[in-house]
Protein backbone atom coordinates (compact mmCIF):
# COMPACT_ATOMS: atom_id res chain seq x y z
CA UNK A 1 0.00 0.04 -0.01
CA UNK A 2 2.85 2.39 0.84
CA UNK A 3 4.65 1.86 -2.46
CA UNK A 4 1.48 1.90 -4.50
CA UNK A 5 0.21 5.15 -2.90
CA UNK A 6 3.67 6.72 -3.16
CA UNK A 7 3.82 5.91 -6.90
CA UNK A 8 0.33 7.27 -7.40
CA UNK A 9 1.19 10.48 -5.46
CA UNK A 10 4.24 11.02 -7.63
CA UNK A 11 2.15 10.59 -10.76
CA UNK A 12 -0.43 12.99 -9.50
CA UNK A 13 2.17 15.60 -8.59
CA UNK A 14 4.06 15.39 -11.89
CA UNK A 15 0.81 15.59 -13.85
CA UNK A 16 -0.48 18.56 -11.83
CA UNK A 17 2.72 20.57 -12.17
CA UNK A 18 3.03 19.69 -15.88
CA UNK A 19 -0.50 21.00 -16.37
CA UNK A 20 0.40 24.14 -14.37
CA UNK A 21 3.54 24.78 -16.57
CA UNK A 22 1.40 24.48 -19.70
CA UNK A 23 -1.26 26.78 -18.32
CA UNK A 24 1.27 29.40 -17.13
CA UNK A 25 3.07 29.44 -20.50
CA UNK A 26 -0.28 29.86 -22.30
CA UNK A 27 -1.21 32.70 -19.99
CA UNK A 28 2.20 34.42 -20.32
CA UNK A 29 1.95 34.07 -24.16
CA UNK A 30 -1.52 35.66 -24.12
CA UNK A 31 -0.35 38.53 -21.98
CA UNK A 32 2.66 39.11 -24.19
CA UNK A 33 0.49 39.14 -27.30
CA UNK A 34 -1.88 41.61 -25.64
CA UNK A 35 0.92 44.01 -24.80
CA UNK A 36 2.46 43.74 -28.30
CA UNK A 37 -0.95 44.54 -29.74
CA UNK A 38 -1.12 47.67 -27.52
CA UNK A 39 2.30 48.79 -28.85
CA UNK A 40 1.09 48.35 -32.43
CA UNK A 41 -2.07 50.40 -31.71
CA UNK A 42 -0.17 53.26 -30.07
CA UNK A 43 2.45 53.26 -32.79
CA UNK A 44 -0.13 53.41 -35.65
CA UNK A 45 -2.32 56.05 -33.91
CA UNK A 46 0.59 58.22 -33.02
CA UNK A 47 2.56 58.17 -36.26
CA UNK A 48 -0.41 58.78 -38.53
CA UNK A 49 -0.54 62.67 -37.97
CA UNK A 50 3.26 62.90 -38.22
CA UNK A 51 3.27 61.01 -41.53
CA UNK A 52 0.64 63.36 -42.81
CA UNK A 53 2.59 66.47 -41.71
CA UNK A 54 5.66 65.07 -43.38
CA UNK A 55 3.75 64.52 -46.62
CA UNK A 56 2.54 68.13 -46.55
CA UNK A 57 6.05 69.42 -46.01
CA UNK A 58 7.50 67.27 -48.72
CA UNK A 59 4.73 68.40 -51.12
CA UNK A 60 5.38 72.11 -50.27
CA UNK A 61 9.19 71.76 -50.81
CA UNK A 62 8.50 69.91 -54.12
CA UNK A 63 6.17 72.62 -55.29
CA UNK A 64 8.66 75.32 -54.31
CA UNK A 65 11.39 73.53 -56.11
CA UNK A 66 9.31 73.21 -59.23
CA UNK A 67 8.52 76.92 -59.05
CA UNK A 68 12.18 77.82 -58.56
CA UNK A 69 13.19 75.88 -61.65
CA UNK A 70 10.35 77.59 -63.62
CA UNK A 71 11.57 81.00 -62.53
CA UNK A 72 15.10 80.25 -63.51
CA UNK A 73 13.92 79.05 -66.87
CA UNK A 74 11.87 82.30 -67.30
CA UNK A 75 14.94 84.39 -66.48
CA UNK A 76 17.29 82.51 -68.75
CA UNK A 77 14.87 82.34 -71.70
CA UNK A 78 15.06 84.49 -74.89
CA UNK A 79 13.49 87.92 -74.92
CA UNK A 80 10.43 86.73 -76.94
CA UNK A 81 9.23 84.24 -74.48
CA UNK A 82 10.70 85.80 -71.29
CA UNK A 83 7.81 88.19 -70.65
CA UNK A 84 5.17 85.37 -71.09
CA UNK A 85 7.08 83.03 -68.73
CA UNK A 86 7.67 85.69 -66.19
CA UNK A 87 3.93 86.48 -66.24
CA UNK A 88 2.99 82.83 -65.68
CA UNK A 89 5.67 82.50 -62.93
CA UNK A 90 4.32 85.55 -61.20
CA UNK A 91 0.73 84.19 -61.25
CA UNK A 92 1.80 80.82 -59.77
CA UNK A 93 3.93 82.43 -57.18
CA UNK A 94 0.95 84.61 -55.99
CA UNK A 95 -1.17 81.44 -55.44
CA UNK A 96 1.31 79.33 -53.63
CA UNK A 97 2.05 80.00 -49.90
CA UNK A 98 5.77 79.31 -49.60
CA UNK A 99 6.12 81.00 -46.20
CA UNK A 100 3.78 78.61 -44.25
CA UNK A 101 4.28 75.03 -42.85
CA UNK A 102 1.86 72.66 -41.15
CA UNK A 103 1.90 72.62 -37.33
CA UNK A 104 4.51 70.18 -36.12
CA UNK A 105 3.95 68.85 -32.55
CA UNK A 106 6.62 69.57 -30.02
CA UNK A 107 8.98 66.82 -29.05
CA UNK A 108 7.46 66.34 -25.57
CA UNK A 109 4.05 65.78 -27.20
CA UNK A 110 5.34 63.00 -29.36
CA UNK A 111 4.68 59.50 -27.80
CA UNK A 112 7.79 57.59 -26.72
CA UNK A 113 6.92 53.96 -26.05
CA UNK A 114 8.40 51.95 -23.23
CA UNK A 115 7.53 48.73 -21.31
CA UNK A 116 6.79 48.90 -17.53
CA UNK A 117 7.69 45.54 -16.00
CA UNK A 118 7.32 45.10 -12.23
CA UNK A 119 9.62 42.41 -10.85
CA UNK A 120 7.37 41.96 -7.88
CA UNK A 121 5.31 39.51 -9.92
CA UNK A 122 8.15 37.04 -9.68
CA UNK A 123 8.23 37.45 -5.87
CA UNK A 124 4.51 36.94 -5.56
CA UNK A 125 4.59 33.93 -7.87
CA UNK A 126 7.59 32.49 -6.02
CA UNK A 127 5.83 32.79 -2.62
CA UNK A 128 2.57 31.26 -4.01
CA UNK A 129 4.40 28.44 -5.74
CA UNK A 130 6.49 27.51 -2.69
CA UNK A 131 3.20 27.20 -0.69
CA UNK A 132 1.27 25.36 -3.39
CA UNK A 133 0.53 21.66 -2.70
CA UNK A 134 1.21 19.45 0.30
CA UNK A 135 1.97 15.81 0.77
CA UNK A 136 -0.03 13.99 3.45
CA UNK A 137 1.09 10.67 4.98
CA UNK A 138 -2.52 9.70 5.63
CA UNK A 139 -5.97 11.25 4.81
CA UNK A 140 -7.78 13.16 7.59
CA UNK A 141 -10.96 10.94 7.31
CA UNK A 142 -11.35 7.24 6.78
CA UNK A 143 -14.22 4.82 6.17
CA UNK A 144 -15.23 3.17 9.48
CA UNK A 145 -18.22 0.78 8.87
CA UNK A 146 -20.45 -0.78 6.31
CA UNK A 147 -23.96 -1.91 7.42
CA UNK A 148 -25.92 -4.12 5.06
CA UNK A 149 -29.38 -2.92 4.17
CA UNK A 150 -31.96 -4.36 1.72
CA UNK A 151 -30.84 -3.06 -1.65
CA UNK A 152 -28.47 -0.57 0.10
CA UNK A 153 -25.44 -0.04 2.28
CA UNK A 154 -25.26 2.31 5.23
CA UNK A 155 -21.71 3.83 5.06
CA UNK A 156 -20.12 5.39 8.13
CA UNK A 157 -16.83 7.36 8.27
CA UNK A 158 -14.82 9.11 10.87
CA UNK A 159 -12.11 11.81 11.37
CA UNK A 160 -8.63 10.46 12.12
CA UNK A 161 -6.63 13.71 12.28
CA UNK A 162 -7.28 15.45 15.55
CA UNK A 163 -5.97 18.82 14.12
CA UNK A 164 -8.29 18.80 11.18
CA UNK A 165 -11.53 20.68 11.49
CA UNK A 166 -13.99 19.36 8.81
CA UNK A 167 -16.69 21.49 7.18
CA UNK A 168 -18.09 19.01 4.66
CA UNK A 169 -17.61 15.44 3.65
CA UNK A 170 -17.76 13.89 0.25
CA UNK A 171 -18.57 10.18 -0.28
CA UNK A 172 -18.04 8.46 -3.62
CA UNK A 173 -18.56 4.96 -4.90
CA UNK A 174 -18.33 2.85 -8.03
CA UNK A 175 -19.54 -0.64 -9.01
CA UNK A 176 -16.30 -1.90 -10.53
CA UNK A 177 -12.69 -0.56 -10.90
CA UNK A 178 -13.40 -0.08 -14.62
CA UNK A 179 -16.09 2.47 -13.81
CA UNK A 180 -15.40 6.09 -12.66
CA UNK A 181 -16.29 7.15 -9.07
CA UNK A 182 -19.45 9.10 -8.72
CA UNK A 183 -20.71 11.29 -5.79
CA UNK A 184 -23.13 9.60 -3.44
CA UNK A 185 -23.19 12.36 -0.73
CA UNK A 186 -21.85 15.82 0.12
CA UNK A 187 -22.61 17.27 3.47
CA UNK A 188 -21.81 17.59 7.17
CA UNK A 189 -23.15 14.09 8.34
CA UNK A 190 -20.73 11.22 8.99
CA UNK A 191 -22.98 8.55 7.61
CA UNK A 192 -25.09 8.01 4.55
CA UNK A 193 -27.44 5.30 3.11
CA UNK A 194 -26.34 4.51 -0.37
CA UNK A 195 -29.39 2.99 -2.17
CA UNK A 196 -29.90 1.16 -5.51
CA UNK A 197 -27.15 -1.35 -4.58
CA UNK A 198 -27.33 -4.69 -6.31
CA UNK A 199 -27.10 -7.58 -3.81
CA UNK A 200 -23.94 -9.76 -3.68
CA UNK A 201 -21.93 -7.33 -5.76
CA UNK A 202 -18.72 -5.60 -4.58
CA UNK A 203 -18.80 -1.79 -4.58
CA UNK A 204 -15.78 0.37 -3.89
CA UNK A 205 -16.15 3.44 -1.60
CA UNK A 206 -13.99 6.41 -0.67
CA UNK A 207 -14.44 9.56 1.32
CA UNK A 208 -12.65 12.95 1.70
CA UNK A 209 -13.35 16.13 3.56
CA UNK A 210 -13.02 19.91 3.22
CA UNK A 211 -11.51 21.86 6.03
CA UNK A 212 -13.35 24.70 7.74
CA UNK A 213 -13.02 27.84 5.54
CA UNK A 214 -11.23 25.95 2.76
CA UNK A 215 -12.27 25.36 -0.88
CA UNK A 216 -10.08 22.40 -1.77
CA UNK A 217 -10.93 18.81 -0.74
CA UNK A 218 -8.55 16.72 1.35
CA UNK A 219 -6.89 13.55 -0.11
CA UNK A 220 -9.14 10.55 -0.57
CA UNK A 221 -9.36 7.88 2.09
CA UNK A 222 -8.08 4.37 1.38
CA UNK A 223 -10.81 2.79 -0.89
CA UNK A 224 -12.74 -0.02 0.68
CA UNK A 225 -15.08 -2.71 -0.56
CA UNK A 226 -18.71 -2.86 0.66
CA UNK A 227 -21.53 -5.16 -0.35
CA UNK A 228 -24.98 -6.23 0.78
CA UNK A 229 -26.37 -9.74 0.68
CA UNK A 230 -29.95 -8.50 1.33
CA UNK A 231 -32.31 -8.20 -1.62
CA UNK A 232 -33.97 -4.80 -2.00
CA UNK A 233 -37.40 -4.17 -0.68
CA UNK A 234 -40.12 -3.95 -3.41
CA UNK A 235 -43.73 -3.15 -3.56
CA UNK A 236 -46.15 -5.51 -5.23
CA UNK A 237 -47.12 -4.49 -8.82
CA UNK A 238 -50.55 -4.47 -10.27
CA UNK A 239 -52.62 -2.76 -7.52
CA UNK A 240 -54.86 -0.24 -9.21
CA UNK A 241 -54.55 2.60 -6.69
CA UNK A 242 -50.69 2.84 -6.81
CA UNK A 243 -48.05 3.64 -9.30
CA UNK A 244 -44.48 2.28 -8.75
CA UNK A 245 -41.01 3.56 -9.72
CA UNK A 246 -38.77 1.48 -12.07
CA UNK A 247 -36.99 -0.14 -9.11
CA UNK A 248 -40.43 -0.71 -7.37
CA UNK A 249 -39.14 0.72 -4.11
CA UNK A 250 -41.24 3.86 -4.46
CA UNK A 251 -45.06 3.81 -4.44
CA UNK A 252 -47.27 6.75 -5.40
CA UNK A 253 -50.95 6.82 -4.44
CA UNK A 254 -52.60 7.87 -7.75
CA UNK A 255 -55.96 9.37 -8.53
CA UNK A 256 -57.70 6.03 -8.73
CA UNK A 257 -60.81 5.66 -6.56
CA UNK A 258 -59.72 2.11 -5.84
CA UNK A 259 -58.48 1.60 -2.31
CA UNK A 260 -56.74 -1.24 -0.50
CA UNK A 261 -53.48 -2.19 1.10
CA UNK A 262 -50.30 -2.17 -1.03
CA UNK A 263 -48.03 -4.99 0.23
CA UNK A 264 -44.46 -5.90 -0.32
CA UNK A 265 -43.61 -8.29 -3.16
CA UNK A 266 -42.25 -10.83 -0.59
CA UNK A 267 -41.67 -11.07 3.20
CA UNK A 268 -38.24 -9.38 2.91
CA UNK A 269 -38.29 -7.72 6.40
CA UNK A 270 -36.35 -9.73 9.06
CA UNK A 271 -36.12 -9.09 12.76
CA UNK A 272 -32.93 -7.36 13.77
CA UNK A 273 -33.11 -5.08 10.78
CA UNK A 274 -34.44 -1.57 10.47
CA UNK A 275 -37.29 -0.90 8.07
CA UNK A 276 -37.56 2.70 6.93
CA UNK A 277 -40.29 4.54 5.13
CA UNK A 278 -39.77 8.11 3.77
CA UNK A 279 -42.74 9.85 2.34
CA UNK A 280 -44.12 12.91 0.56
CA UNK A 281 -47.45 13.73 2.13
CA UNK A 282 -50.91 14.09 0.73
CA UNK A 283 -54.33 14.69 2.50
CA UNK A 284 -54.36 12.50 5.69
CA UNK A 285 -57.05 10.10 6.72
CA UNK A 286 -57.51 8.22 9.94
CA UNK A 287 -57.45 4.92 8.02
CA UNK A 288 -54.08 5.56 6.49
CA UNK A 289 -51.41 3.13 7.58
CA UNK A 290 -47.65 2.29 7.32
CA UNK A 291 -46.51 -0.86 8.90
CA UNK A 292 -45.65 -4.66 8.87
CA UNK A 293 -47.84 -7.75 8.99
CA UNK A 294 -47.57 -11.55 9.05
CA UNK A 295 -49.34 -12.19 5.73
CA UNK A 296 -50.93 -10.47 2.75
CA UNK A 297 -54.70 -10.18 3.06
CA UNK A 298 -56.90 -8.88 0.38
CA UNK A 299 -60.21 -7.13 1.14
CA UNK A 300 -58.79 -4.74 3.69
CA UNK A 301 -58.43 -1.06 3.19
CA UNK A 302 -55.88 -0.57 6.02
CA UNK A 303 -53.29 -2.37 8.16
CA UNK A 304 -55.27 -1.47 11.27
CA UNK A 305 -56.18 -5.20 11.65
CA UNK A 306 -55.01 -8.27 13.52
CA UNK A 307 -51.58 -9.86 12.88
CA UNK A 308 -50.33 -6.35 11.87
CA UNK A 309 -48.62 -3.38 13.57
CA UNK A 310 -48.74 0.10 11.91
CA UNK A 311 -48.77 3.85 12.34
CA UNK A 312 -51.44 6.06 10.87
CA UNK A 313 -50.55 9.40 9.14
CA UNK A 314 -51.86 11.28 12.17
CA UNK A 315 -49.42 9.47 14.50
CA UNK A 316 -51.75 6.88 16.01
CA UNK A 317 -50.15 3.42 16.62
CA UNK A 318 -52.15 0.28 16.11
CA UNK A 319 -51.30 -3.28 17.29
CA UNK A 320 -53.52 -6.10 15.94
CA UNK A 321 -56.12 -3.41 15.01
CA UNK A 322 -56.23 -1.87 18.50
CA UNK A 323 -55.09 1.79 18.99
CA UNK A 324 -52.44 2.33 21.66
CA UNK A 325 -52.69 5.15 24.14
CA UNK A 326 -49.17 6.28 23.23
CA UNK A 327 -49.05 8.35 20.04
CA UNK A 328 -46.33 9.62 17.74
CA UNK A 329 -46.17 13.00 15.86
CA UNK A 330 -48.10 13.19 12.60
CA UNK A 331 -46.24 12.02 9.54
CA UNK A 332 -44.67 14.98 7.71
CA UNK A 333 -43.19 15.34 4.18
CA UNK A 334 -39.63 14.17 3.97
CA UNK A 335 -39.61 12.64 7.50
CA UNK A 336 -38.83 8.95 8.08
CA UNK A 337 -40.74 6.33 9.93
CA UNK A 338 -38.76 3.29 11.08
CA UNK A 339 -39.62 -0.09 12.43
CA UNK A 340 -37.18 -2.15 14.55
CA UNK A 341 -37.99 -5.61 15.95
CA UNK A 342 -36.28 -8.18 18.04
CA UNK A 343 -37.42 -11.60 19.16
CA UNK A 344 -38.59 -12.12 22.77
CA UNK A 345 -39.30 -15.86 23.16
CA UNK A 346 -42.24 -16.94 25.32
CA UNK A 347 -42.83 -20.63 25.57
CA UNK A 348 -41.99 -23.16 22.88
CA UNK A 349 -41.92 -22.15 19.25
CA UNK A 350 -43.19 -24.69 16.72
CA UNK A 351 -45.08 -24.90 13.48
CA UNK A 352 -48.09 -26.02 15.51
CA UNK A 353 -48.33 -22.69 17.24
CA UNK A 354 -47.40 -21.21 20.56
CA UNK A 355 -46.56 -17.86 22.07
CA UNK A 356 -44.11 -15.72 20.06
CA UNK A 357 -43.30 -12.22 21.10
CA UNK A 358 -41.60 -9.46 19.20
CA UNK A 359 -40.28 -6.24 20.78
CA UNK A 360 -41.31 -3.49 18.41
CA UNK A 361 -39.83 0.05 18.24
CA UNK A 362 -41.52 2.63 15.98
CA UNK A 363 -39.81 5.98 15.49
CA UNK A 364 -41.09 9.12 13.86
CA UNK A 365 -39.93 12.69 14.02
CA UNK A 366 -37.40 12.02 16.83
CA UNK A 367 -39.94 10.27 19.01
CA UNK A 368 -40.53 6.52 19.52
CA UNK A 369 -42.90 4.02 21.01
CA UNK A 370 -41.85 0.54 22.30
CA UNK A 371 -44.23 -2.35 22.79
CA UNK A 372 -44.36 -6.18 22.66
CA UNK A 373 -46.29 -7.78 19.82
CA UNK A 374 -47.55 -11.27 20.65
CA UNK A 375 -48.16 -13.70 17.79
CA UNK A 376 -49.53 -17.26 17.76
CA UNK A 377 -46.66 -18.58 15.61
CA UNK A 378 -43.03 -18.13 14.79
CA UNK A 379 -42.35 -15.52 12.08
CA UNK A 380 -38.93 -15.59 10.47
CA UNK A 381 -39.85 -12.75 7.98
CA UNK A 382 -42.58 -10.31 7.63
CA UNK A 383 -44.37 -8.38 4.89
CA UNK A 384 -44.62 -4.49 4.95
CA UNK A 385 -47.39 -2.45 3.60
CA UNK A 386 -49.21 0.90 3.28
CA UNK A 387 -52.62 2.34 2.59
CA UNK A 388 -53.78 5.86 1.82
CA UNK A 389 -57.26 7.11 1.14
CA UNK A 390 -56.27 10.17 -0.83
CA UNK A 391 -53.80 10.72 -3.74
CA UNK A 392 -50.47 12.55 -3.49
CA UNK A 393 -48.76 10.24 -0.98
CA UNK A 394 -45.46 8.85 -2.08
CA UNK A 395 -43.44 6.30 -0.05
CA UNK A 396 -39.88 5.21 -0.41
CA UNK A 397 -39.01 2.01 1.44
CA UNK A 398 -35.51 0.77 2.35
């Protein structure tokens, strides 16, 4: 692990600084090009009036030179043509202003280009470069625990650097080493339930953190393998009043007038596990129910019946169809309702019957009720179910 991580770290550093060199060269080239263009613009704009002034002066000198030659020719000519040439010379001389020149700017008004280059940039860059990047012997956070869930894995992590003050955590996972990592969670919690996990398949997880007030993420933790052997919870298909998601772990109460209890596809809830419902709320009704039962029974519109325990959307708890005096808060949108059960044996347990007791804990909105549920037979696994009278309710189960 040390050699492998050291090799990987060298590769990352070399690639990063190679990219920086390329980017810096590109930025410097762009800045140089911009400054050279500024020089070109100033040169062109400044020299244009001077060129025009020079052309005027040269034209005036040329005109005067031509007139001078014409005057010399008139003086040196024979007497017959001398008067005519002198007359023409005099007319031209009167129309040409030989004693005026265009205004020439003074030397101090003529631009003199220079480059202003501050060497403090090198000092700033040097200080920033020498502080850029760090090498850590170990990441400040590590994965701590994987808890199997039906169709999911509860991932927990912890801080291992006492001097590190975390602000956020970032959990990633991938199905195989050939696939890229993808974000599963970003936030301040130190555990997260990763859903849509195929059973009996290895997934690779890693976590990092961002220090308080920092923008960059810490190095990744050592990747670890997590898996679940528990098949995902699924709702039964085909019930008219409910529409299901593609994975069949989300049920939506639709506009159908048909009512009844929507059960799980199979008895996939086992004692010792936590069964969780997360819901979006609709209009409540006292006959609504979320809970578990021994068997599927058609013809009922609620789990408020015998051989079942449930909570109504108003917070009432029912055991075998009887309402308990203890009550939980009403179910709210986005909140979770959890069921935990453990076996408490009373008397012999056999297929012929006998007393069988389950210690049940139902939690909702940070409150819980605990009671014993007595059954007339052993139950290794249980069904779960829900019923809602009005549309708009949506329930995720995991």
